Structures are given as C-alpha cells and as structure tokens.
C-alpha cells in the first residue's frame, strides 16, 4: 500500500511498521513527512519508541534468582499439560 499523502488515521496504522523498519522507502518517506508536520502522530511515534526502549532495557536485565524459584514453583504446581 502506497501512502503518498498520509492522514493521521493512516499514519497511526503504519507507526509500528515504521518503528520496525518494514515499510517500503516511499512509505517511510510519507510517514516521515507526516511526522514532521503532525505533533499528535509525532507524540504517538515517540511513545512507541519509548515503550520499545523500556521493554528492551527490562528484557536485558538478568532475572533475579528469587523470581526464577517462584516461576519454577508455579510450573511445578501447575496441573496443565
């Protein structure tokens, strides 16, 4: 889908794909042009990138041993298979 003139609703649909860098070059340029002139969508994109950065930071931290023990105990108590 080519987005030459991106409205906010359309731009918001592309923000995750834009953050993932999976759009075509034309789509990337169209989203970037829209973000440059639309404070609302720029904030949405900033929020998306901040959430991703926080998730990456949290996922990079080692899991505390106490949490590992609790998870093992929960798995041992689970009767589902």
N, C-alpha and C. Protein backbone atom coordinates (compact mmCIF):
# COMPACT_ATOMS: atom_id res chain seq x y z
N UNK A 1 0.85 -1.18 0.00
CA UNK A 1 0.00 0.00 0.00
C UNK A 1 0.89 1.24 0.00
N UNK A 2 0.68 2.11 -0.93
CA UNK A 2 1.47 3.33 -1.00
C UNK A 2 0.73 4.44 -0.26
N UNK A 3 1.48 5.17 0.56
CA UNK A 3 0.87 6.29 1.29
C UNK A 3 1.61 7.56 0.91
N UNK A 4 1.10 8.24 -0.07
CA UNK A 4 1.75 9.45 -0.53
C UNK A 4 1.32 10.64 0.31
N UNK A 5 0.06 10.75 0.63
CA UNK A 5 -0.46 11.81 1.47
C UNK A 5 -1.12 11.14 2.67
N UNK A 6 -0.42 11.11 3.77
CA UNK A 6 -0.84 10.32 4.91
C UNK A 6 -1.69 11.14 5.86
N UNK A 7 -2.90 10.70 6.11
CA UNK A 7 -3.75 11.30 7.13
C UNK A 7 -3.38 10.67 8.47
N UNK A 8 -3.77 11.30 9.55
CA UNK A 8 -3.41 10.80 10.88
C UNK A 8 -3.82 9.35 11.09
N UNK A 9 -5.04 9.00 10.75
CA UNK A 9 -5.51 7.62 10.96
C UNK A 9 -4.64 6.63 10.19
N UNK A 10 -4.28 6.98 8.97
CA UNK A 10 -3.43 6.11 8.17
C UNK A 10 -2.02 6.05 8.75
N UNK A 11 -1.50 7.21 9.16
CA UNK A 11 -0.15 7.25 9.72
C UNK A 11 -0.05 6.40 10.97
N UNK A 12 -1.07 6.48 11.84
CA UNK A 12 -1.05 5.70 13.07
C UNK A 12 -1.02 4.20 12.79
N UNK A 13 -1.65 3.79 11.70
CA UNK A 13 -1.63 2.37 11.33
C UNK A 13 -0.24 1.91 10.93
N UNK A 14 0.60 2.84 10.48
CA UNK A 14 1.93 2.49 10.00
C UNK A 14 3.03 2.70 11.03
N UNK A 15 2.70 3.25 12.22
CA UNK A 15 3.76 3.60 13.17
C UNK A 15 4.55 2.39 13.63
N UNK A 16 3.89 1.28 13.94
CA UNK A 16 4.64 0.10 14.38
C UNK A 16 5.50 -0.46 13.26
N UNK A 17 4.95 -0.52 12.07
CA UNK A 17 5.74 -1.00 10.93
C UNK A 17 6.90 -0.05 10.64
N UNK A 18 6.66 1.25 10.83
CA UNK A 18 7.72 2.25 10.65
C UNK A 18 8.82 2.03 11.69
N UNK A 19 8.42 1.81 12.95
CA UNK A 19 9.40 1.57 14.01
C UNK A 19 10.17 0.27 13.76
N UNK A 20 9.51 -0.71 13.15
CA UNK A 20 10.16 -1.98 12.83
C UNK A 20 11.00 -1.90 11.57
N UNK A 21 10.88 -0.79 10.85
CA UNK A 21 11.60 -0.58 9.60
C UNK A 21 11.25 -1.64 8.55
N UNK A 22 9.93 -1.91 8.40
CA UNK A 22 9.49 -2.90 7.43
C UNK A 22 8.64 -2.28 6.31
N UNK A 23 8.63 -0.96 6.23
CA UNK A 23 7.90 -0.28 5.17
C UNK A 23 8.78 -0.11 3.93
N UNK A 24 8.13 0.16 2.82
CA UNK A 24 8.90 0.50 1.62
C UNK A 24 9.51 1.88 1.81
N UNK A 25 10.45 2.22 0.99
CA UNK A 25 11.11 3.53 1.09
C UNK A 25 10.11 4.66 0.88
N UNK A 26 9.17 4.48 -0.05
CA UNK A 26 8.15 5.50 -0.28
C UNK A 26 7.25 5.66 0.94
N UNK A 27 6.88 4.55 1.57
CA UNK A 27 6.06 4.60 2.77
C UNK A 27 6.81 5.27 3.93
N UNK A 28 8.08 4.93 4.06
CA UNK A 28 8.91 5.55 5.11
C UNK A 28 8.95 7.06 4.92
N UNK A 29 9.18 7.51 3.70
CA UNK A 29 9.25 8.95 3.42
C UNK A 29 7.92 9.62 3.71
N UNK A 30 6.82 8.96 3.34
CA UNK A 30 5.49 9.54 3.56
C UNK A 30 5.22 9.67 5.06
N UNK A 31 5.55 8.65 5.83
CA UNK A 31 5.34 8.70 7.28
C UNK A 31 6.23 9.79 7.88
N UNK A 32 7.48 9.86 7.46
CA UNK A 32 8.39 10.88 7.99
C UNK A 32 7.90 12.29 7.68
N UNK A 33 7.37 12.49 6.47
CA UNK A 33 6.82 13.80 6.14
C UNK A 33 5.63 14.13 7.05
N UNK A 34 4.80 13.14 7.30
CA UNK A 34 3.64 13.36 8.17
C UNK A 34 4.09 13.65 9.60
N UNK A 35 5.03 12.88 10.10
CA UNK A 35 5.50 13.08 11.47
C UNK A 35 6.13 14.47 11.64
N UNK A 36 6.72 14.98 10.59
CA UNK A 36 7.36 16.30 10.66
C UNK A 36 6.36 17.44 10.81
N UNK A 37 5.12 17.21 10.40
CA UNK A 37 4.13 18.30 10.45
C UNK A 37 2.96 18.01 11.39
N UNK A 38 2.93 16.83 12.01
CA UNK A 38 1.80 16.45 12.86
C UNK A 38 2.29 16.15 14.27
N UNK A 39 2.13 17.08 15.20
CA UNK A 39 2.59 16.85 16.57
C UNK A 39 1.93 15.65 17.25
N UNK A 40 0.65 15.42 16.96
CA UNK A 40 -0.05 14.28 17.56
C UNK A 40 0.60 12.95 17.17
N UNK A 41 0.79 12.75 15.89
CA UNK A 41 1.39 11.50 15.41
C UNK A 41 2.85 11.39 15.84
N UNK A 42 3.55 12.52 15.89
CA UNK A 42 4.94 12.51 16.35
C UNK A 42 5.00 12.05 17.81
N UNK A 43 4.05 12.49 18.63
CA UNK A 43 3.99 12.04 20.03
C UNK A 43 3.68 10.55 20.11
N UNK A 44 2.77 10.09 19.27
CA UNK A 44 2.44 8.65 19.24
C UNK A 44 3.68 7.83 18.88
N UNK A 45 4.42 8.30 17.90
CA UNK A 45 5.64 7.58 17.49
C UNK A 45 6.68 7.63 18.61
N UNK A 46 6.82 8.78 19.24
CA UNK A 46 7.76 8.90 20.35
C UNK A 46 7.38 7.94 21.48
N UNK A 47 6.08 7.86 21.78
CA UNK A 47 5.61 6.93 22.81
C UNK A 47 5.96 5.49 22.42
N UNK A 48 5.71 5.14 21.18
CA UNK A 48 6.02 3.78 20.69
C UNK A 48 7.49 3.46 20.86
N UNK A 49 8.36 4.38 20.49
CA UNK A 49 9.80 4.12 20.60
C UNK A 49 10.24 4.07 22.06
N UNK A 50 9.62 4.88 22.92
CA UNK A 50 9.98 4.84 24.34
C UNK A 50 9.54 3.52 24.99
N UNK A 51 8.36 3.05 24.64
CA UNK A 51 7.89 1.76 25.16
C UNK A 51 8.84 0.65 24.71
N UNK A 52 9.22 0.66 23.46
CA UNK A 52 10.14 -0.36 22.95
C UNK A 52 11.49 -0.30 23.67
N UNK A 53 11.99 0.91 23.92
CA UNK A 53 13.28 1.05 24.60
C UNK A 53 13.19 0.53 26.03
N UNK A 54 12.09 0.83 26.72
CA UNK A 54 11.92 0.35 28.09
C UNK A 54 11.80 -1.17 28.12
N UNK A 55 11.05 -1.74 27.19
CA UNK A 55 10.93 -3.20 27.13
C UNK A 55 12.28 -3.85 26.86
N UNK A 56 13.05 -3.26 25.96
CA UNK A 56 14.37 -3.81 25.67
C UNK A 56 15.26 -3.74 26.90
N UNK A 57 15.20 -2.61 27.62
CA UNK A 57 16.01 -2.45 28.82
C UNK A 57 15.61 -3.49 29.86
N UNK A 58 14.33 -3.68 30.07
CA UNK A 58 13.85 -4.64 31.07
C UNK A 58 14.23 -6.06 30.66
N UNK A 59 14.11 -6.35 29.38
CA UNK A 59 14.43 -7.70 28.91
C UNK A 59 15.92 -7.99 28.97
N UNK A 60 16.75 -6.97 28.94
CA UNK A 60 18.19 -7.15 29.02
C UNK A 60 18.69 -7.37 30.45
N UNK A 61 17.86 -7.01 31.44
CA UNK A 61 18.27 -7.18 32.83
C UNK A 61 18.19 -8.65 33.20
N UNK A 62 19.14 -9.14 34.00
CA UNK A 62 19.09 -10.54 34.40
C UNK A 62 17.89 -10.80 35.33
N UNK A 63 17.36 -11.97 35.22
CA UNK A 63 16.22 -12.38 36.05
C UNK A 63 16.73 -12.71 37.45
N UNK A 64 16.13 -12.10 38.48
CA UNK A 64 16.57 -12.40 39.85
C UNK A 64 16.33 -13.87 40.19
N UNK A 65 17.23 -14.45 40.96
CA UNK A 65 17.10 -15.86 41.33
C UNK A 65 15.78 -16.12 42.06
N UNK A 66 15.35 -15.19 42.90
CA UNK A 66 14.09 -15.38 43.62
C UNK A 66 12.90 -15.51 42.67
N UNK A 67 12.92 -14.76 41.57
CA UNK A 67 11.84 -14.87 40.59
C UNK A 67 11.92 -16.21 39.87
N UNK A 68 13.12 -16.66 39.56
CA UNK A 68 13.28 -17.96 38.91
C UNK A 68 12.71 -19.07 39.79
N UNK A 69 12.98 -19.00 41.09
CA UNK A 69 12.47 -20.01 42.02
C UNK A 69 10.94 -19.97 42.05
N UNK A 70 10.37 -18.77 42.13
CA UNK A 70 8.91 -18.64 42.14
C UNK A 70 8.29 -19.20 40.87
N UNK A 71 8.91 -18.91 39.73
CA UNK A 71 8.39 -19.42 38.45
C UNK A 71 8.49 -20.94 38.38
N UNK A 72 9.61 -21.49 38.85
CA UNK A 72 9.75 -22.95 38.88
C UNK A 72 8.67 -23.58 39.75
N UNK A 73 8.43 -22.97 40.92
CA UNK A 73 7.40 -23.49 41.83
C UNK A 73 6.01 -23.41 41.19
N UNK A 74 5.74 -22.33 40.52
CA UNK A 74 4.44 -22.21 39.83
C UNK A 74 4.30 -23.29 38.75
N UNK A 75 5.36 -23.52 38.02
CA UNK A 75 5.32 -24.54 36.97
C UNK A 75 5.14 -25.92 37.58
N UNK A 76 5.79 -26.18 38.70
CA UNK A 76 5.68 -27.48 39.36
C UNK A 76 4.27 -27.71 39.89
N UNK A 77 3.61 -26.63 40.32
CA UNK A 77 2.26 -26.75 40.87
C UNK A 77 1.20 -26.81 39.78
N UNK A 78 1.52 -26.44 38.60
CA UNK A 78 0.56 -26.41 37.51
C UNK A 78 0.20 -27.82 37.08
N UNK A 79 -1.11 -28.08 36.96
CA UNK A 79 -1.53 -29.42 36.55
C UNK A 79 -1.96 -29.46 35.09
N UNK A 80 -1.66 -28.40 34.35
CA UNK A 80 -1.98 -28.40 32.93
C UNK A 80 -0.81 -28.97 32.15
N UNK A 81 -1.11 -29.52 31.03
CA UNK A 81 -0.04 -30.08 30.21
C UNK A 81 -0.13 -29.67 28.80
